[in-house]
Amino acid sequence: MISYAAQGFCVLSLDCRGQNGQSQDGAVYPEGHHAGWMTAGIPDPRTYYYRYVYADCVRALEVLAHREEVDASRLALSGGSQGGGLTLAVAALSRRPILAQPDIPFLCDFRRSIMITPNGPYPEIAGFLRAFPDQYEQVIRTLSYFDCMNLAPWITCKTVFSNGLWDDICAPSTIYAAYNHITAEKQMEAYPFHKHEIPYEHHELKFRMLMEVLSGG
């Protein structure tokens, strides 16, 4: 984000509650969960960890939009991995952004992701279900409320994805699942030999697009 600020963009970068930054997770969960964040509060969508995270992100965009130095008609979202998933979620839940740039997004097509993904946070859900196999249907129901594949039809802004086709953390097919559900203007930049990473050339593309879209060009 520093590179964008250095070019004159007004930037708001968000700590994800409880995750290594200075922001705390003040939510109280009704029972224990697997190590990590993916299963905190998962038996009920009303108590699930990502309900609070999505709300944090939408509220952060509202804070940014109300700053005196910000033009609220020219807002863009960008993030990678979890930040890519949150970019999609906020683009779906807010009408404010005019551009979303999700990179190798997480939080897409949960049902498939937990079946095929060997690395990253998705195995936390598999670990929880190994301990509580009787909760499979309820877990899938909770996740469906936060699945960016299901939220994607609500996205109305231009959306540009990056997707590493060797990615074993956010499987390419799950990213395409979210992409295919978007009905607004969209673009997929697929990188056949990249894993969970973004090439320099994609950063250049993102910057050019920010300049074009936010300037109205």
C-alpha atoms as a PDB file:
ATOM      1  CA  MET A   1       0.000   0.000   0.000  1.00  0.00           C
ATOM      2  CA  ILE A   2       2.959   2.328   0.552  1.00  0.00           C
ATOM      3  CA  SER A   3       3.635   2.317  -3.185  1.00  0.00           C
ATOM      4  CA  TYR A   4       0.128   3.655  -3.843  1.00  0.00           C
ATOM      5  CA  ALA A   5       0.455   6.337  -1.179  1.00  0.00           C
ATOM      6  CA  ALA A   6       3.782   7.365  -2.705  1.00  0.00           C
ATOM      7  CA  GLN A   7       1.965   8.021  -5.979  1.00  0.00           C
ATOM      8  CA  GLY A   8      -0.539  10.354  -4.325  1.00  0.00           C
ATOM      9  CA  PHE A   9      -3.415   7.982  -3.636  1.00  0.00           C
ATOM     10  CA  CYS A  10      -5.196   8.299  -0.311  1.00  0.00           C
ATOM     11  CA  VAL A  11      -4.865   4.808   1.198  1.00  0.00           C
ATOM     12  CA  LEU A  12      -6.565   3.085   4.132  1.00  0.00           C
ATOM     13  CA  SER A  13      -4.964  -0.223   5.147  1.00  0.00           C
ATOM     14  CA  LEU A  14      -6.918  -2.435   7.524  1.00  0.00           C
ATOM     15  CA  ASP A  15      -5.707  -4.779  10.264  1.00  0.00           C
ATOM     16  CA  CYS A  16      -7.744  -7.985  10.217  1.00  0.00           C
ATOM     17  CA  ARG A  17      -9.047  -8.377  13.762  1.00  0.00           C
ATOM     18  CA  GLY A  18      -6.816 -10.487  15.952  1.00  0.00           C
ATOM     19  CA  GLN A  19      -4.436 -11.495  13.156  1.00  0.00           C
ATOM     20  CA  ASN A  20      -0.904 -10.390  14.050  1.00  0.00           C
ATOM     21  CA  GLY A  21      -1.651  -6.679  13.900  1.00  0.00           C
ATOM     22  CA  GLN A  22      -2.591  -4.329  16.726  1.00  0.00           C
ATOM     23  CA  SER A  23      -6.346  -4.802  16.301  1.00  0.00           C
ATOM     24  CA  GLN A  24      -7.967  -7.115  18.824  1.00  0.00           C
ATOM     25  CA  ASP A  25     -10.806  -9.534  18.241  1.00  0.00           C
ATOM     26  CA  GLY A  26     -13.378  -8.495  20.826  1.00  0.00           C
ATOM     27  CA  ALA A  27     -15.979 -11.070  19.800  1.00  0.00           C
ATOM     28  CA  VAL A  28     -17.030 -13.755  22.256  1.00  0.00           C
ATOM     29  CA  TYR A  29     -17.507 -17.173  20.656  1.00  0.00           C
ATOM     30  CA  PRO A  30     -19.925 -19.640  22.228  1.00  0.00           C
ATOM     31  CA  GLU A  31     -17.510 -22.586  22.084  1.00  0.00           C
ATOM     32  CA  GLY A  32     -13.985 -23.596  21.142  1.00  0.00           C
ATOM     33  CA  HIS A  33     -12.635 -23.985  17.631  1.00  0.00           C
ATOM     34  CA  HIS A  34      -9.746 -25.398  15.620  1.00  0.00           C
ATOM     35  CA  ALA A  35      -6.434 -23.526  15.770  1.00  0.00           C
ATOM     36  CA  GLY A  36      -6.537 -20.437  13.571  1.00  0.00           C
ATOM     37  CA  TRP A  37      -9.530 -18.305  12.608  1.00  0.00           C
ATOM     38  CA  MET A  38     -11.481 -20.315  10.058  1.00  0.00           C
ATOM     39  CA  THR A  39     -13.739 -22.163  12.515  1.00  0.00           C
ATOM     40  CA  ALA A  40     -14.234 -19.557  15.251  1.00  0.00           C
ATOM     41  CA  GLY A  41     -17.990 -19.366  15.830  1.00  0.00           C
ATOM     42  CA  ILE A  42     -18.647 -21.586  12.812  1.00  0.00           C
ATOM     43  CA  PRO A  43     -21.694 -23.503  14.095  1.00  0.00           C
ATOM     44  CA  ASP A  44     -23.854 -20.397  13.566  1.00  0.00           C
ATOM     45  CA  PRO A  45     -23.538 -17.710  10.841  1.00  0.00           C
ATOM     46  CA  ARG A  46     -24.528 -15.088  13.418  1.00  0.00           C
ATOM     47  CA  THR A  47     -21.418 -15.831  15.486  1.00  0.00           C
ATOM     48  CA  TYR A  48     -18.919 -16.721  12.737  1.00  0.00           C
ATOM     49  CA  TYR A  49     -15.580 -14.892  12.808  1.00  0.00           C
ATOM     50  CA  TYR A  50     -15.834 -13.628   9.242  1.00  0.00           C
ATOM     51  CA  ARG A  51     -19.167 -11.971   9.906  1.00  0.00           C
ATOM     52  CA  TYR A  52     -17.274  -9.528  12.097  1.00  0.00           C
ATOM     53  CA  VAL A  53     -14.384  -9.225   9.649  1.00  0.00           C
ATOM     54  CA  TYR A  54     -16.687  -8.410   6.724  1.00  0.00           C
ATOM     55  CA  ALA A  55     -18.475  -5.815   8.837  1.00  0.00           C
ATOM     56  CA  ASP A  56     -15.121  -4.301   9.860  1.00  0.00           C
ATOM     57  CA  CYS A  57     -14.122  -3.933   6.216  1.00  0.00           C
ATOM     58  CA  VAL A  58     -17.402  -2.379   5.084  1.00  0.00           C
ATOM     59  CA  ARG A  59     -17.259   0.044   7.987  1.00  0.00           C
ATOM     60  CA  ALA A  60     -13.642   0.919   7.160  1.00  0.00           C
ATOM     61  CA  LEU A  61     -14.719   1.866   3.634  1.00  0.00           C
ATOM     62  CA  GLU A  62     -17.396   4.136   5.100  1.00  0.00           C
ATOM     63  CA  VAL A  63     -14.809   5.815   7.326  1.00  0.00           C
ATOM     64  CA  LEU A  64     -12.595   6.406   4.297  1.00  0.00           C
ATOM     65  CA  ALA A  65     -15.493   7.745   2.228  1.00  0.00           C
ATOM     66  CA  HIS A  66     -16.277  10.355   4.880  1.00  0.00           C
ATOM     67  CA  ARG A  67     -12.771  11.766   5.123  1.00  0.00           C
ATOM     68  CA  GLU A  68     -12.559  15.376   3.933  1.00  0.00           C
ATOM     69  CA  GLU A  69      -9.589  14.675   1.676  1.00  0.00           C
ATOM     70  CA  VAL A  70     -11.302  11.742  -0.067  1.00  0.00           C
ATOM     71  CA  ASP A  71     -13.561  11.845  -3.121  1.00  0.00           C
ATOM     72  CA  ALA A  72     -16.194   9.256  -2.197  1.00  0.00           C
ATOM     73  CA  SER A  73     -17.152   8.830  -5.854  1.00  0.00           C
ATOM     74  CA  ARG A  74     -13.689   7.466  -6.694  1.00  0.00           C
ATOM     75  CA  LEU A  75     -13.009   4.534  -4.388  1.00  0.00           C
ATOM     76  CA  ALA A  76     -11.191   1.312  -5.239  1.00  0.00           C
ATOM     77  CA  LEU A  77     -10.530  -1.900  -3.316  1.00  0.00           C
ATOM     78  CA  SER A  78      -7.421  -4.053  -3.498  1.00  0.00           C
ATOM     79  CA  GLY A  79      -5.971  -6.975  -1.580  1.00  0.00           C
ATOM     80  CA  GLY A  80      -4.257 -10.317  -1.930  1.00  0.00           C
ATOM     81  CA  SER A  81      -5.181 -13.768  -0.621  1.00  0.00           C
ATOM     82  CA  GLN A  82      -7.395 -13.087   2.422  1.00  0.00           C
ATOM     83  CA  GLY A  83      -7.336  -9.447   1.349  1.00  0.00           C
ATOM     84  CA  GLY A  84      -8.501 -10.560  -2.083  1.00  0.00           C
ATOM     85  CA  GLY A  85     -11.455 -12.359  -0.555  1.00  0.00           C
ATOM     86  CA  LEU A  86     -12.265  -9.320   1.579  1.00  0.00           C
ATOM     87  CA  THR A  87     -12.016  -7.150  -1.543  1.00  0.00           C
ATOM     88  CA  LEU A  88     -14.702  -9.295  -3.171  1.00  0.00           C
ATOM     89  CA  ALA A  89     -16.871  -9.311  -0.046  1.00  0.00           C
ATOM     90  CA  VAL A  90     -16.815  -5.521   0.331  1.00  0.00           C
ATOM     91  CA  ALA A  91     -17.423  -5.018  -3.398  1.00  0.00           C
ATOM     92  CA  ALA A  92     -20.531  -7.156  -2.960  1.00  0.00           C
ATOM     93  CA  LEU A  93     -21.751  -5.554   0.273  1.00  0.00           C
ATOM     94  CA  SER A  94     -21.145  -1.890  -0.633  1.00  0.00           C
ATOM     95  CA  ARG A  95     -22.158   0.198  -3.630  1.00  0.00           C
ATOM     96  CA  ARG A  96     -19.328   2.671  -3.047  1.00  0.00           C
ATOM     97  CA  PRO A  97     -16.352   1.162  -4.922  1.00  0.00           C
ATOM     98  CA  ILE A  98     -16.004   1.690  -8.660  1.00  0.00           C
ATOM     99  CA  LEU A  99     -13.107  -0.757  -9.003  1.00  0.00           C
ATOM    100  CA  ALA A 100     -12.109  -3.954  -7.180  1.00  0.00           C
ATOM    101  CA  GLN A 101      -8.753  -5.685  -7.646  1.00  0.00           C
ATOM    102  CA  PRO A 102      -8.799  -9.056  -5.849  1.00  0.00           C
ATOM    103  CA  ASP A 103      -5.496 -10.907  -6.130  1.00  0.00           C
ATOM    104  CA  ILE A 104      -5.419 -14.718  -5.702  1.00  0.00           C
ATOM    105  CA  PRO A 105      -8.529 -14.384  -3.507  1.00  0.00           C
ATOM    106  CA  PHE A 106      -9.268 -16.578  -0.532  1.00  0.00           C
ATOM    107  CA  LEU A 107     -12.805 -17.249   0.815  1.00  0.00           C
ATOM    108  CA  CYS A 108     -14.162 -18.537  -2.505  1.00  0.00           C
ATOM    109  CA  ASP A 109     -16.156 -21.751  -3.113  1.00  0.00           C
ATOM    110  CA  PHE A 110     -15.693 -23.097   0.409  1.00  0.00           C
ATOM    111  CA  ARG A 111     -17.265 -26.480  -0.278  1.00  0.00           C
ATOM    112  CA  ARG A 112     -14.749 -27.254  -3.031  1.00  0.00           C
ATOM    113  CA  SER A 113     -11.835 -25.525  -1.304  1.00  0.00           C
ATOM    114  CA  ILE A 114     -11.968 -27.685   1.808  1.00  0.00           C
ATOM    115  CA  MET A 115     -12.066 -30.821  -0.362  1.00  0.00           C
ATOM    116  CA  ILE A 116      -9.072 -30.117  -2.615  1.00  0.00           C
ATOM    117  CA  THR A 117      -6.750 -27.611  -0.914  1.00  0.00           C
ATOM    118  CA  PRO A 118      -3.756 -29.130   0.953  1.00  0.00           C
ATOM    119  CA  ASN A 119      -2.133 -25.934   2.256  1.00  0.00           C
ATOM    120  CA  GLY A 120      -3.070 -22.649   3.887  1.00  0.00           C
ATOM    121  CA  PRO A 121      -6.044 -22.008   6.179  1.00  0.00           C
ATOM    122  CA  TYR A 122      -8.698 -24.202   4.494  1.00  0.00           C
ATOM    123  CA  PRO A 123      -7.380 -27.366   6.220  1.00  0.00           C
ATOM    124  CA  GLU A 124      -8.426 -25.765   9.519  1.00  0.00           C
ATOM    125  CA  ILE A 125     -12.027 -26.440   8.496  1.00  0.00           C
ATOM    126  CA  ALA A 126     -11.182 -30.015   7.538  1.00  0.00           C
ATOM    127  CA  GLY A 127      -9.510 -30.459  10.913  1.00  0.00           C
ATOM    128  CA  PHE A 128     -12.613 -29.198  12.695  1.00  0.00           C
ATOM    129  CA  LEU A 129     -14.806 -31.581  10.697  1.00  0.00           C
ATOM    130  CA  ARG A 130     -12.554 -34.530  11.475  1.00  0.00           C
ATOM    131  CA  ALA A 131     -13.268 -33.839  15.132  1.00  0.00           C
ATOM    132  CA  PHE A 132     -16.973 -33.094  14.588  1.00  0.00           C
ATOM    133  CA  PRO A 133     -18.135 -34.926  11.442  1.00  0.00           C
ATOM    134  CA  ASP A 134     -21.754 -34.617  12.540  1.00  0.00           C
ATOM    135  CA  GLN A 135     -21.527 -30.827  12.036  1.00  0.00           C
ATOM    136  CA  TYR A 136     -20.653 -30.981   8.327  1.00  0.00           C
ATOM    137  CA  GLU A 137     -24.007 -29.725   7.017  1.00  0.00           C
ATOM    138  CA  GLN A 138     -24.167 -26.894   9.557  1.00  0.00           C
ATOM    139  CA  VAL A 139     -20.592 -25.836   8.815  1.00  0.00           C
ATOM    140  CA  ILE A 140     -21.304 -25.742   5.080  1.00  0.00           C
ATOM    141  CA  ARG A 141     -24.479 -23.756   5.742  1.00  0.00           C
ATOM    142  CA  THR A 142     -22.576 -21.186   7.806  1.00  0.00           C
ATOM    143  CA  LEU A 143     -19.826 -20.876   5.214  1.00  0.00           C
ATOM    144  CA  SER A 144     -22.358 -20.347   2.436  1.00  0.00           C
ATOM    145  CA  TYR A 145     -23.237 -16.950   3.909  1.00  0.00           C
ATOM    146  CA  PHE A 146     -19.612 -15.810   3.630  1.00  0.00           C
ATOM    147  CA  ASP A 147     -18.629 -17.499   0.376  1.00  0.00           C
ATOM    148  CA  CYS A 148     -17.473 -14.905  -2.149  1.00  0.00           C
ATOM    149  CA  MET A 149     -18.813 -17.173  -4.879  1.00  0.00           C
ATOM    150  CA  ASN A 150     -22.310 -16.606  -3.467  1.00  0.00           C
ATOM    151  CA  LEU A 151     -21.733 -12.888  -2.861  1.00  0.00           C
ATOM    152  CA  ALA A 152     -20.292 -12.327  -6.347  1.00  0.00           C
ATOM    153  CA  PRO A 153     -23.631 -11.662  -8.117  1.00  0.00           C
ATOM    154  CA  TRP A 154     -24.048  -8.579  -5.896  1.00  0.00           C
ATOM    155  CA  ILE A 155     -20.861  -6.975  -7.240  1.00  0.00           C
ATOM    156  CA  THR A 156     -21.610  -4.027  -9.522  1.00  0.00           C
ATOM    157  CA  CYS A 157     -18.177  -2.436  -9.973  1.00  0.00           C
ATOM    158  CA  LYS A 158     -15.458  -3.353 -12.447  1.00  0.00           C
ATOM    159  CA  THR A 159     -13.484  -6.272 -11.005  1.00  0.00           C
ATOM    160  CA  VAL A 160     -10.027  -7.456 -12.073  1.00  0.00           C
ATOM    161  CA  PHE A 161      -8.688 -10.750 -10.693  1.00  0.00           C
ATOM    162  CA  SER A 162      -5.272 -12.332 -10.617  1.00  0.00           C
ATOM    163  CA  ASN A 163      -5.070 -16.114 -10.460  1.00  0.00           C
ATOM    164  CA  GLY A 164      -1.961 -18.312 -10.168  1.00  0.00           C
ATOM    165  CA  LEU A 165      -2.771 -21.590 -11.878  1.00  0.00           C
ATOM    166  CA  TRP A 166      -0.283 -23.558  -9.740  1.00  0.00           C
ATOM    167  CA  ASP A 167      -1.748 -22.146  -6.515  1.00  0.00           C
ATOM    168  CA  ASP A 168      -2.159 -24.817  -3.818  1.00  0.00           C
ATOM    169  CA  ILE A 169      -3.519 -22.428  -1.167  1.00  0.00           C
ATOM    170  CA  CYS A 170      -6.332 -20.731  -3.089  1.00  0.00           C
ATOM    171  CA  ALA A 171      -7.130 -23.228  -5.837  1.00  0.00           C
ATOM    172  CA  PRO A 172      -7.580 -21.634  -9.295  1.00  0.00           C
ATOM    173  CA  SER A 173     -10.943 -23.340  -9.843  1.00  0.00           C
ATOM    174  CA  THR A 174     -12.375 -21.747  -6.682  1.00  0.00           C
ATOM    175  CA  ILE A 175     -11.312 -18.298  -7.875  1.00  0.00           C
ATOM    176  CA  TYR A 176     -12.940 -18.942 -11.236  1.00  0.00           C
ATOM    177  CA  ALA A 177     -16.100 -19.969  -9.366  1.00  0.00           C
ATOM    178  CA  ALA A 178     -16.379 -16.483  -7.875  1.00  0.00           C
ATOM    179  CA  TYR A 179     -15.391 -14.826 -11.146  1.00  0.00           C
ATOM    180  CA  ASN A 180     -18.023 -16.730 -13.115  1.00  0.00           C
ATOM    181  CA  HIS A 181     -20.797 -15.525 -10.799  1.00  0.00           C
ATOM    182  CA  ILE A 182     -20.044 -11.830 -11.368  1.00  0.00           C
ATOM    183  CA  THR A 183     -22.387 -10.225 -13.892  1.00  0.00           C
ATOM    184  CA  ALA A 184     -20.721  -6.780 -13.880  1.00  0.00           C
ATOM    185  CA  GLU A 185     -17.645  -5.840 -15.947  1.00  0.00           C
ATOM    186  CA  LYS A 186     -14.815  -8.191 -15.046  1.00  0.00           C
ATOM    187  CA  GLN A 187     -11.375  -9.359 -16.122  1.00  0.00           C
ATOM    188  CA  MET A 188      -9.291 -12.407 -15.200  1.00  0.00           C
ATOM    189  CA  GLU A 189      -5.497 -12.273 -15.385  1.00  0.00           C
ATOM    190  CA  ALA A 190      -4.330 -15.904 -15.164  1.00  0.00           C
ATOM    191  CA  TYR A 191      -0.659 -16.737 -14.616  1.00  0.00           C
ATOM    192  CA  PRO A 192      -0.042 -20.379 -15.651  1.00  0.00           C
ATOM    193  CA  PHE A 193       3.245 -20.912 -13.775  1.00  0.00           C
ATOM    194  CA  HIS A 194       2.638 -18.929 -10.591  1.00  0.00           C
ATOM    195  CA  LYS A 195       1.585 -20.285  -7.235  1.00  0.00           C
ATOM    196  CA  HIS A 196       0.184 -18.162  -4.388  1.00  0.00           C
ATOM    197  CA  GLU A 197       1.971 -15.069  -5.638  1.00  0.00           C
ATOM    198  CA  ILE A 198       1.564 -12.075  -7.931  1.00  0.00           C
ATOM    199  CA  PRO A 199       4.077 -11.212 -10.666  1.00  0.00           C
ATOM    200  CA  TYR A 200       5.512  -7.727 -10.958  1.00  0.00           C
ATOM    201  CA  GLU A 201       3.731  -7.278 -14.284  1.00  0.00           C
ATOM    202  CA  HIS A 202       0.377  -7.636 -12.576  1.00  0.00           C
ATOM    203  CA  HIS A 203       1.218  -4.864 -10.132  1.00  0.00           C
ATOM    204  CA  GLU A 204       1.937  -2.642 -13.138  1.00  0.00           C
ATOM    205  CA  LEU A 205      -1.430  -3.576 -14.680  1.00  0.00           C
ATOM    206  CA  LYS A 206      -3.217  -2.772 -11.420  1.00  0.00           C
ATOM    207  CA  PHE A 207      -1.586   0.620 -11.135  1.00  0.00           C
ATOM    208  CA  ARG A 208      -2.435   1.557 -14.732  1.00  0.00           C
ATOM    209  CA  MET A 209      -6.031   0.510 -14.174  1.00  0.00           C
ATOM    210  CA  LEU A 210      -6.283   2.527 -10.980  1.00  0.00           C
ATOM    211  CA  MET A 211      -5.070   5.591 -12.852  1.00  0.00           C
ATOM    212  CA  GLU A 212      -7.528   5.029 -15.707  1.00  0.00           C
ATOM    213  CA  VAL A 213     -10.619   4.199 -13.663  1.00  0.00           C
ATOM    214  CA  LEU A 214     -10.179   6.624 -10.771  1.00  0.00           C
ATOM    215  CA  SER A 215      -9.309   9.488 -13.108  1.00  0.00           C
ATOM    216  CA  GLY A 216     -12.367   8.777 -15.216  1.00  0.00           C
ATOM    217  CA  GLY A 217     -10.223   8.081 -18.262  1.00  0.00           C
END
